[in-house]
PDB file of N, CA and C in Angstrom:
ATOM      1  N   MET A   1       0.841  -1.174   0.014  1.00  0.00           N
ATOM      2  CA  MET A   1       0.061   0.040  -0.017  1.00  0.00           C
ATOM      3  C   MET A   1       0.862   1.200  -0.039  1.00  0.00           C
ATOM      4  N   LYS A   2       0.580   2.169  -0.893  1.00  0.00           N
ATOM      5  CA  LYS A   2       1.311   3.459  -0.965  1.00  0.00           C
ATOM      6  C   LYS A   2       0.836   4.395   0.147  1.00  0.00           C
ATOM      7  N   PRO A   3       1.663   5.183   0.728  1.00  0.00           N
ATOM      8  CA  PRO A   3       1.193   6.155   1.679  1.00  0.00           C
ATOM      9  C   PRO A   3       0.475   7.331   0.988  1.00  0.00           C
ATOM     10  N   GLN A   4      -0.387   8.016   1.692  1.00  0.00           N
ATOM     11  CA  GLN A   4      -1.104   9.184   1.128  1.00  0.00           C
ATOM     12  C   GLN A   4      -0.142  10.253   0.729  1.00  0.00           C
ATOM     13  N   ALA A   5       1.000  10.367   1.310  1.00  0.00           N
ATOM     14  CA  ALA A   5       1.937  11.423   0.957  1.00  0.00           C
ATOM     15  C   ALA A   5       2.389  11.259  -0.461  1.00  0.00           C
ATOM     16  N   GLU A   6       2.272  10.049  -1.074  1.00  0.00           N
ATOM     17  CA  GLU A   6       2.737   9.927  -2.449  1.00  0.00           C
ATOM     18  C   GLU A   6       1.603  10.252  -3.427  1.00  0.00           C
ATOM     19  N   MET A   7       0.424  10.614  -2.982  1.00  0.00           N
ATOM     20  CA  MET A   7      -0.593  10.975  -3.802  1.00  0.00           C
ATOM     21  C   MET A   7      -0.529  12.480  -4.269  1.00  0.00           C
ATOM     22  N   ARG A   8      -0.696  12.722  -5.503  1.00  0.00           N
ATOM     23  CA  ARG A   8      -0.696  14.137  -5.940  1.00  0.00           C
ATOM     24  C   ARG A   8      -1.913  14.845  -5.403  1.00  0.00           C
ATOM     25  N   ALA A   9      -1.814  16.188  -5.189  1.00  0.00           N
ATOM     26  CA  ALA A   9      -2.875  16.958  -4.627  1.00  0.00           C
ATOM     27  C   ALA A   9      -4.059  16.820  -5.534  1.00  0.00           C
ATOM     28  N   ALA A  10      -3.955  16.869  -6.845  1.00  0.00           N
ATOM     29  CA  ALA A  10      -5.086  16.743  -7.746  1.00  0.00           C
ATOM     30  C   ALA A  10      -5.752  15.383  -7.647  1.00  0.00           C
ATOM     31  N   ASP A  11      -4.943  14.317  -7.395  1.00  0.00           N
ATOM     32  CA  ASP A  11      -5.601  12.950  -7.203  1.00  0.00           C
ATOM     33  C   ASP A  11      -6.379  12.917  -5.924  1.00  0.00           C
ATOM     34  N   PHE A  12      -5.798  13.525  -4.930  1.00  0.00           N
ATOM     35  CA  PHE A  12      -6.504  13.607  -3.674  1.00  0.00           C
ATOM     36  C   PHE A  12      -7.846  14.391  -3.787  1.00  0.00           C
ATOM     37  N   GLN A  13      -7.807  15.527  -4.472  1.00  0.00           N
ATOM     38  CA  GLN A  13      -9.034  16.293  -4.659  1.00  0.00           C
ATOM     39  C   GLN A  13     -10.051  15.489  -5.480  1.00  0.00           C
ATOM     40  N   LYS A  14      -9.656  14.717  -6.436  1.00  0.00           N
ATOM     41  CA  LYS A  14     -10.503  13.905  -7.261  1.00  0.00           C
ATOM     42  C   LYS A  14     -11.130  12.857  -6.436  1.00  0.00           C
ATOM     43  N   LEU A  15     -10.302  12.256  -5.582  1.00  0.00           N
ATOM     44  CA  LEU A  15     -10.799  11.294  -4.711  1.00  0.00           C
ATOM     45  C   LEU A  15     -11.884  11.821  -3.714  1.00  0.00           C
ATOM     46  N   LEU A  16     -11.652  12.982  -3.219  1.00  0.00           N
ATOM     47  CA  LEU A  16     -12.577  13.606  -2.362  1.00  0.00           C
ATOM     48  C   LEU A  16     -13.942  13.921  -3.087  1.00  0.00           C
ATOM     49  N   ALA A  17     -13.787  14.426  -4.302  1.00  0.00           N
ATOM     50  CA  ALA A  17     -14.948  14.664  -5.144  1.00  0.00           C
ATOM     51  C   ALA A  17     -15.848  13.417  -5.413  1.00  0.00           C
ATOM     52  N   LEU A  18     -15.099  12.322  -5.703  1.00  0.00           N
ATOM     53  CA  LEU A  18     -15.857  11.077  -5.913  1.00  0.00           C
ATOM     54  C   LEU A  18     -16.480  10.509  -4.611  1.00  0.00           C
ATOM     55  N   ALA A  19     -15.724  10.632  -3.488  1.00  0.00           N
ATOM     56  CA  ALA A  19     -16.294  10.179  -2.198  1.00  0.00           C
ATOM     57  C   ALA A  19     -17.475  11.025  -1.796  1.00  0.00           C
ATOM     58  N   LEU A  20     -17.447  12.343  -1.954  1.00  0.00           N
ATOM     59  CA  LEU A  20     -18.521  13.231  -1.577  1.00  0.00           C
ATOM     60  C   LEU A  20     -19.708  12.935  -2.480  1.00  0.00           C
ATOM     61  N   GLY A  21     -19.448  12.746  -3.714  1.00  0.00           N
ATOM     62  CA  GLY A  21     -20.563  12.365  -4.652  1.00  0.00           C
ATOM     63  C   GLY A  21     -21.303  11.128  -4.266  1.00  0.00           C
ATOM     64  N   ASP A  22     -20.488  10.113  -3.873  1.00  0.00           N
ATOM     65  CA  ASP A  22     -21.068   8.853  -3.501  1.00  0.00           C
ATOM     66  C   ASP A  22     -21.835   9.071  -2.143  1.00  0.00           C
ATOM     67  N   LEU A  23     -21.349   9.787  -1.258  1.00  0.00           N
ATOM     68  CA  LEU A  23     -22.081  10.077  -0.057  1.00  0.00           C
ATOM     69  C   LEU A  23     -23.376  10.732  -0.245  1.00  0.00           C
ATOM     70  N   THR A  24     -23.350  11.742  -1.192  1.00  0.00           N
ATOM     71  CA  THR A  24     -24.575  12.465  -1.535  1.00  0.00           C
ATOM     72  C   THR A  24     -25.622  11.536  -2.102  1.00  0.00           C
ATOM     73  N   VAL A  25     -25.199  10.609  -2.968  1.00  0.00           N
ATOM     74  CA  VAL A  25     -26.174   9.698  -3.608  1.00  0.00           C
ATOM     75  C   VAL A  25     -26.710   8.763  -2.516  1.00  0.00           C
ATOM     76  N   ARG A  26     -25.855   8.253  -1.625  1.00  0.00           N
ATOM     77  CA  ARG A  26     -26.325   7.400  -0.555  1.00  0.00           C
ATOM     78  C   ARG A  26     -27.335   8.067   0.377  1.00  0.00           C
ATOM     79  N   ARG A  27     -27.036   9.327   0.765  1.00  0.00           N
ATOM     80  CA  ARG A  27     -27.926  10.098   1.548  1.00  0.00           C
ATOM     81  C   ARG A  27     -29.301  10.311   0.910  1.00  0.00           C
ATOM     82  N   THR A  28     -29.275  10.633  -0.388  1.00  0.00           N
ATOM     83  CA  THR A  28     -30.475  10.838  -1.197  1.00  0.00           C
ATOM     84  C   THR A  28     -31.308   9.528  -1.249  1.00  0.00           C
ATOM     85  N   ILE A  29     -30.631   8.389  -1.494  1.00  0.00           N
ATOM     86  CA  ILE A  29     -31.437   7.133  -1.493  1.00  0.00           C
ATOM     87  C   ILE A  29     -32.025   6.865  -0.125  1.00  0.00           C
ATOM     88  N   LEU A  30     -31.298   7.100   0.946  1.00  0.00           N
ATOM     89  CA  LEU A  30     -31.888   6.886   2.212  1.00  0.00           C
ATOM     90  C   LEU A  30     -33.038   7.835   2.532  1.00  0.00           C
ATOM     91  N   GLU A  31     -32.912   9.049   2.104  1.00  0.00           N
ATOM     92  CA  GLU A  31     -33.973  10.102   2.330  1.00  0.00           C
ATOM     93  C   GLU A  31     -35.220   9.715   1.519  1.00  0.00           C
ATOM     94  N   ASN A  32     -35.053   9.109   0.310  1.00  0.00           N
ATOM     95  CA  ASN A  32     -36.206   8.650  -0.459  1.00  0.00           C
ATOM     96  C   ASN A  32     -36.834   7.448   0.211  1.00  0.00           C
ATOM     97  N   LYS A  33     -36.015   6.528   0.744  1.00  0.00           N
ATOM     98  CA  LYS A  33     -36.463   5.401   1.466  1.00  0.00           C
ATOM     99  C   LYS A  33     -37.344   5.787   2.694  1.00  0.00           C
ATOM    100  N   GLU A  34     -36.830   6.816   3.287  1.00  0.00           N
ATOM    101  CA  GLU A  34     -37.497   7.324   4.476  1.00  0.00           C
ATOM    102  C   GLU A  34     -38.812   7.876   4.109  1.00  0.00           C
ATOM    103  N   ALA A  35     -38.937   8.552   3.036  1.00  0.00           N
ATOM    104  CA  ALA A  35     -40.278   9.090   2.556  1.00  0.00           C
ATOM    105  C   ALA A  35     -41.176   7.880   2.267  1.00  0.00           C
ATOM    106  N   GLN A  36     -40.656   6.918   1.627  1.00  0.00           N
ATOM    107  CA  GLN A  36     -41.441   5.739   1.254  1.00  0.00           C
ATOM    108  C   GLN A  36     -41.945   5.011   2.514  1.00  0.00           C
ATOM    109  N   VAL A  37     -41.107   4.809   3.530  1.00  0.00           N
ATOM    110  CA  VAL A  37     -41.478   4.189   4.771  1.00  0.00           C
ATOM    111  C   VAL A  37     -42.579   4.979   5.426  1.00  0.00           C
ATOM    112  N   ASN A  38     -42.483   6.318   5.347  1.00  0.00           N
ATOM    113  CA  ASN A  38     -43.448   7.190   5.990  1.00  0.00           C
ATOM    114  C   ASN A  38     -44.838   6.930   5.393  1.00  0.00           C
ATOM    115  N   GLN A  39     -44.968   6.601   4.190  1.00  0.00           N
ATOM    116  CA  GLN A  39     -46.202   6.363   3.512  1.00  0.00           C
ATOM    117  C   GLN A  39     -46.783   4.987   3.636  1.00  0.00           C
ATOM    118  N   GLU A  40     -45.859   3.963   3.812  1.00  0.00           N
ATOM    119  CA  GLU A  40     -46.274   2.560   3.624  1.00  0.00           C
ATOM    120  C   GLU A  40     -46.486   1.792   4.940  1.00  0.00           C
ATOM    121  N   LEU A  41     -45.631   1.938   5.925  1.00  0.00           N
ATOM    122  CA  LEU A  41     -45.564   1.093   7.065  1.00  0.00           C
ATOM    123  C   LEU A  41     -46.569   1.516   8.128  1.00  0.00           C
ATOM    124  N   SER A  42     -47.003   0.531   9.038  1.00  0.00           N
ATOM    125  CA  SER A  42     -47.768   0.874  10.146  1.00  0.00           C
ATOM    126  C   SER A  42     -46.915   1.667  11.201  1.00  0.00           C
ATOM    127  N   SER A  43     -47.596   2.116  12.190  1.00  0.00           N
ATOM    128  CA  SER A  43     -46.927   3.065  13.240  1.00  0.00           C
ATOM    129  C   SER A  43     -45.682   2.367  13.864  1.00  0.00           C
ATOM    130  N   LEU A  44     -45.802   1.166  14.378  1.00  0.00           N
ATOM    131  CA  LEU A  44     -44.708   0.546  15.101  1.00  0.00           C
ATOM    132  C   LEU A  44     -43.559   0.218  14.189  1.00  0.00           C
ATOM    133  N   GLU A  45     -43.858  -0.312  12.947  1.00  0.00           N
ATOM    134  CA  GLU A  45     -42.815  -0.596  12.066  1.00  0.00           C
ATOM    135  C   GLU A  45     -42.162   0.666  11.530  1.00  0.00           C
ATOM    136  N   LYS A  46     -42.995   1.668  11.311  1.00  0.00           N
ATOM    137  CA  LYS A  46     -42.558   2.903  10.813  1.00  0.00           C
ATOM    138  C   LYS A  46     -41.513   3.585  11.682  1.00  0.00           C
ATOM    139  N   ASP A  47     -41.781   3.676  12.966  1.00  0.00           N
ATOM    140  CA  ASP A  47     -40.929   4.326  13.976  1.00  0.00           C
ATOM    141  C   ASP A  47     -39.541   3.666  14.005  1.00  0.00           C
ATOM    142  N   ALA A  48     -39.540   2.353  14.015  1.00  0.00           N
ATOM    143  CA  ALA A  48     -38.239   1.600  14.079  1.00  0.00           C
ATOM    144  C   ALA A  48     -37.482   1.798  12.847  1.00  0.00           C
ATOM    145  N   GLU A  49     -38.116   1.717  11.674  1.00  0.00           N
ATOM    146  CA  GLU A  49     -37.354   1.914  10.329  1.00  0.00           C
ATOM    147  C   GLU A  49     -36.957   3.249  10.182  1.00  0.00           C
ATOM    148  N   LEU A  50     -37.804   4.258  10.592  1.00  0.00           N
ATOM    149  CA  LEU A  50     -37.427   5.706  10.335  1.00  0.00           C
ATOM    150  C   LEU A  50     -36.150   6.016  11.354  1.00  0.00           C
ATOM    151  N   GLU A  51     -36.119   5.453  12.475  1.00  0.00           N
ATOM    152  CA  GLU A  51     -35.042   5.659  13.383  1.00  0.00           C
ATOM    153  C   GLU A  51     -33.729   5.083  12.760  1.00  0.00           C
ATOM    154  N   ARG A  52     -33.828   3.842  12.224  1.00  0.00           N
ATOM    155  CA  ARG A  52     -32.646   3.260  11.654  1.00  0.00           C
ATOM    156  C   ARG A  52     -32.139   4.104  10.442  1.00  0.00           C
ATOM    157  N   LEU A  53     -33.058   4.520   9.585  1.00  0.00           N
ATOM    158  CA  LEU A  53     -32.717   5.332   8.458  1.00  0.00           C
ATOM    159  C   LEU A  53     -32.080   6.674   8.898  1.00  0.00           C
ATOM    160  N   ASP A  54     -32.671   7.284   9.885  1.00  0.00           N
ATOM    161  CA  ASP A  54     -32.166   8.497  10.366  1.00  0.00           C
ATOM    162  C   ASP A  54     -30.717   8.347  10.918  1.00  0.00           C
ATOM    163  N   GLN A  55     -30.497   7.235  11.605  1.00  0.00           N
ATOM    164  CA  GLN A  55     -29.089   6.974  12.070  1.00  0.00           C
ATOM    165  C   GLN A  55     -28.115   6.883  10.930  1.00  0.00           C
ATOM    166  N   GLU A  56     -28.508   6.289   9.887  1.00  0.00           N
ATOM    167  CA  GLU A  56     -27.702   6.091   8.669  1.00  0.00           C
ATOM    168  C   GLU A  56     -27.402   7.358   7.998  1.00  0.00           C
ATOM    169  N   ILE A  57     -28.486   8.166   7.833  1.00  0.00           N
ATOM    170  CA  ILE A  57     -28.347   9.507   7.253  1.00  0.00           C
ATOM    171  C   ILE A  57     -27.460  10.424   8.033  1.00  0.00           C
ATOM    172  N   THR A  58     -27.585  10.369   9.371  1.00  0.00           N
ATOM    173  CA  THR A  58     -26.706  11.177  10.298  1.00  0.00           C
ATOM    174  C   THR A  58     -25.253  10.747  10.074  1.00  0.00           C
ATOM    175  N   ALA A  59     -24.973   9.464  10.019  1.00  0.00           N
ATOM    176  CA  ALA A  59     -23.621   8.977   9.963  1.00  0.00           C
ATOM    177  C   ALA A  59     -23.026   9.389   8.522  1.00  0.00           C
ATOM    178  N   ILE A  60     -23.792   9.321   7.476  1.00  0.00           N
ATOM    179  CA  ILE A  60     -23.351   9.706   6.215  1.00  0.00           C
ATOM    180  C   ILE A  60     -23.067  11.187   6.165  1.00  0.00           C
ATOM    181  N   GLN A  61     -23.964  12.017   6.719  1.00  0.00           N
ATOM    182  CA  GLN A  61     -23.763  13.457   6.847  1.00  0.00           C
ATOM    183  C   GLN A  61     -22.561  13.828   7.589  1.00  0.00           C
ATOM    184  N   ALA A  62     -22.223  13.088   8.642  1.00  0.00           N
ATOM    185  CA  ALA A  62     -21.009  13.368   9.493  1.00  0.00           C
ATOM    186  C   ALA A  62     -19.819  13.086   8.582  1.00  0.00           C
ATOM    187  N   ASP A  63     -19.828  11.999   7.916  1.00  0.00           N
ATOM    188  CA  ASP A  63     -18.741  11.706   6.971  1.00  0.00           C
ATOM    189  C   ASP A  63     -18.550  12.807   5.925  1.00  0.00           C
ATOM    190  N   PHE A  64     -19.616  13.114   5.332  1.00  0.00           N
ATOM    191  CA  PHE A  64     -19.606  14.209   4.277  1.00  0.00           C
ATOM    192  C   PHE A  64     -19.009  15.456   4.829  1.00  0.00           C
ATOM    193  N   ASP A  65     -19.507  15.930   5.969  1.00  0.00           N
ATOM    194  CA  ASP A  65     -18.969  17.098   6.553  1.00  0.00           C
ATOM    195  C   ASP A  65     -17.555  17.073   6.886  1.00  0.00           C
ATOM    196  N   HIS A  66     -17.043  15.892   7.382  1.00  0.00           N
ATOM    197  CA  HIS A  66     -15.615  15.729   7.671  1.00  0.00           C
ATOM    198  C   HIS A  66     -14.756  15.811   6.415  1.00  0.00           C
ATOM    199  N   TYR A  67     -15.132  15.021   5.421  1.00  0.00           N
ATOM    200  CA  TYR A  67     -14.334  15.060   4.212  1.00  0.00           C
ATOM    201  C   TYR A  67     -14.416  16.412   3.469  1.00  0.00           C
ATOM    202  N   HIS A  68     -15.542  16.983   3.505  1.00  0.00           N
ATOM    203  CA  HIS A  68     -15.728  18.229   2.742  1.00  0.00           C
ATOM    204  C   HIS A  68     -14.802  19.323   3.246  1.00  0.00           C
ATOM    205  N   GLN A  69     -14.312  19.280   4.454  1.00  0.00           N
ATOM    206  CA  GLN A  69     -13.303  20.214   4.996  1.00  0.00           C
ATOM    207  C   GLN A  69     -12.037  20.207   4.237  1.00  0.00           C
ATOM    208  N   PHE A  70     -11.685  19.103   3.593  1.00  0.00           N
ATOM    209  CA  PHE A  70     -10.426  18.954   2.859  1.00  0.00           C
ATOM    210  C   PHE A  70     -10.490  19.355   1.369  1.00  0.00           C
ATOM    211  N   VAL A  71     -11.728  19.737   0.894  1.00  0.00           N
ATOM    212  CA  VAL A  71     -11.927  20.114  -0.513  1.00  0.00           C
ATOM    213  C   VAL A  71     -11.201  21.441  -0.722  1.00  0.00           C
ATOM    214  N   ASP A  72     -10.473  21.530  -1.783  1.00  0.00           N
ATOM    215  CA  ASP A  72      -9.897  22.757  -2.315  1.00  0.00           C
ATOM    216  C   ASP A  72     -10.918  23.375  -3.186  1.00  0.00           C
ATOM    217  N   PRO A  73     -11.447  24.495  -2.832  1.00  0.00           N
ATOM    218  CA  PRO A  73     -12.559  25.215  -3.603  1.00  0.00           C
ATOM    219  C   PRO A  73     -12.038  25.597  -5.032  1.00  0.00           C
ATOM    220  N   ALA A  74     -10.734  25.660  -5.241  1.00  0.00           N
ATOM    221  CA  ALA A  74     -10.280  26.078  -6.511  1.00  0.00           C
ATOM    222  C   ALA A  74     -10.167  24.850  -7.481  1.00  0.00           C
ATOM    223  N   PHE A  75     -10.332  23.600  -6.926  1.00  0.00           N
ATOM    224  CA  PHE A  75     -10.255  22.415  -7.790  1.00  0.00           C
ATOM    225  C   PHE A  75     -11.552  22.082  -8.245  1.00  0.00           C
ATOM    226  N   THR A  76     -11.804  21.932  -9.573  1.00  0.00           N
ATOM    227  CA  THR A  76     -13.102  21.561 -10.141  1.00  0.00           C
ATOM    228  C   THR A  76     -12.968  20.199 -10.747  1.00  0.00           C
ATOM    229  N   PHE A  77     -13.953  19.382 -10.493  1.00  0.00           N
ATOM    230  CA  PHE A  77     -13.999  18.049 -11.012  1.00  0.00           C
ATOM    231  C   PHE A  77     -15.426  17.622 -11.215  1.00  0.00           C
ATOM    232  N   ASP A  78     -15.811  17.275 -12.389  1.00  0.00           N
ATOM    233  CA  ASP A  78     -17.137  16.724 -12.759  1.00  0.00           C
ATOM    234  C   ASP A  78     -16.912  15.315 -13.101  1.00  0.00           C
ATOM    235  N   ALA A  79     -17.329  14.386 -12.247  1.00  0.00           N
ATOM    236  CA  ALA A  79     -17.114  12.974 -12.439  1.00  0.00           C
ATOM    237  C   ALA A  79     -17.786  12.443 -13.728  1.00  0.00           C
ATOM    238  N   ALA A  80     -18.950  12.838 -13.962  1.00  0.00           N
ATOM    239  CA  ALA A  80     -19.756  12.402 -15.138  1.00  0.00           C
ATOM    240  C   ALA A  80     -18.984  12.853 -16.437  1.00  0.00           C
ATOM    241  N   GLU A  81     -18.576  14.122 -16.462  1.00  0.00           N
ATOM    242  CA  GLU A  81     -17.749  14.597 -17.603  1.00  0.00           C
ATOM    243  C   GLU A  81     -16.443  13.847 -17.791  1.00  0.00           C
ATOM    244  N   TYR A  82     -15.743  13.644 -16.675  1.00  0.00           N
ATOM    245  CA  TYR A  82     -14.470  12.997 -16.648  1.00  0.00           C
ATOM    246  C   TYR A  82     -14.602  11.581 -17.254  1.00  0.00           C
ATOM    247  N   TYR A  83     -15.510  10.811 -16.765  1.00  0.00           N
ATOM    248  CA  TYR A  83     -15.618   9.456 -17.227  1.00  0.00           C
ATOM    249  C   TYR A  83     -16.244   9.381 -18.653  1.00  0.00           C
ATOM    250  N   ARG A  84     -17.052  10.325 -18.990  1.00  0.00           N
ATOM    251  CA  ARG A  84     -17.529  10.373 -20.455  1.00  0.00           C
ATOM    252  C   ARG A  84     -16.350  10.591 -21.403  1.00  0.00           C
ATOM    253  N   GLY A  85     -15.387  11.372 -20.915  1.00  0.00           N
ATOM    254  CA  GLY A  85     -14.272  11.735 -21.805  1.00  0.00           C
ATOM    255  C   GLY A  85     -13.259  10.640 -21.930  1.00  0.00           C
ATOM    256  N   LEU A  86     -13.317   9.586 -21.126  1.00  0.00           N
ATOM    257  CA  LEU A  86     -12.397   8.486 -21.168  1.00  0.00           C
ATOM    258  C   LEU A  86     -12.774   7.518 -22.343  1.00  0.00           C
ATOM    259  N   SER A  87     -14.017   7.475 -22.749  1.00  0.00           N
ATOM    260  CA  SER A  87     -14.382   6.583 -23.814  1.00  0.00           C
ATOM    261  C   SER A  87     -14.030   6.970 -25.195  1.00  0.00           C
TER     262      SER A  87
END
């Protein structure tokens, strides 16, 4: 395993952008699931499932906030455009 010190700053920023994008998608999926649970389940099932989903969303948001602190605002990276350009 290579140490992080061997990673170029641009690679680190790209990694952060990808990780933050993934966390955003995961949070959105869980928020959508939360809305679905709110509509479908009975009261007891709903409360337990909503609590579980809320805990996951909170953990994801904490990771997002932590990693977002390292983002260089001058670095721009569009993952969709980047991967489209590779083909």
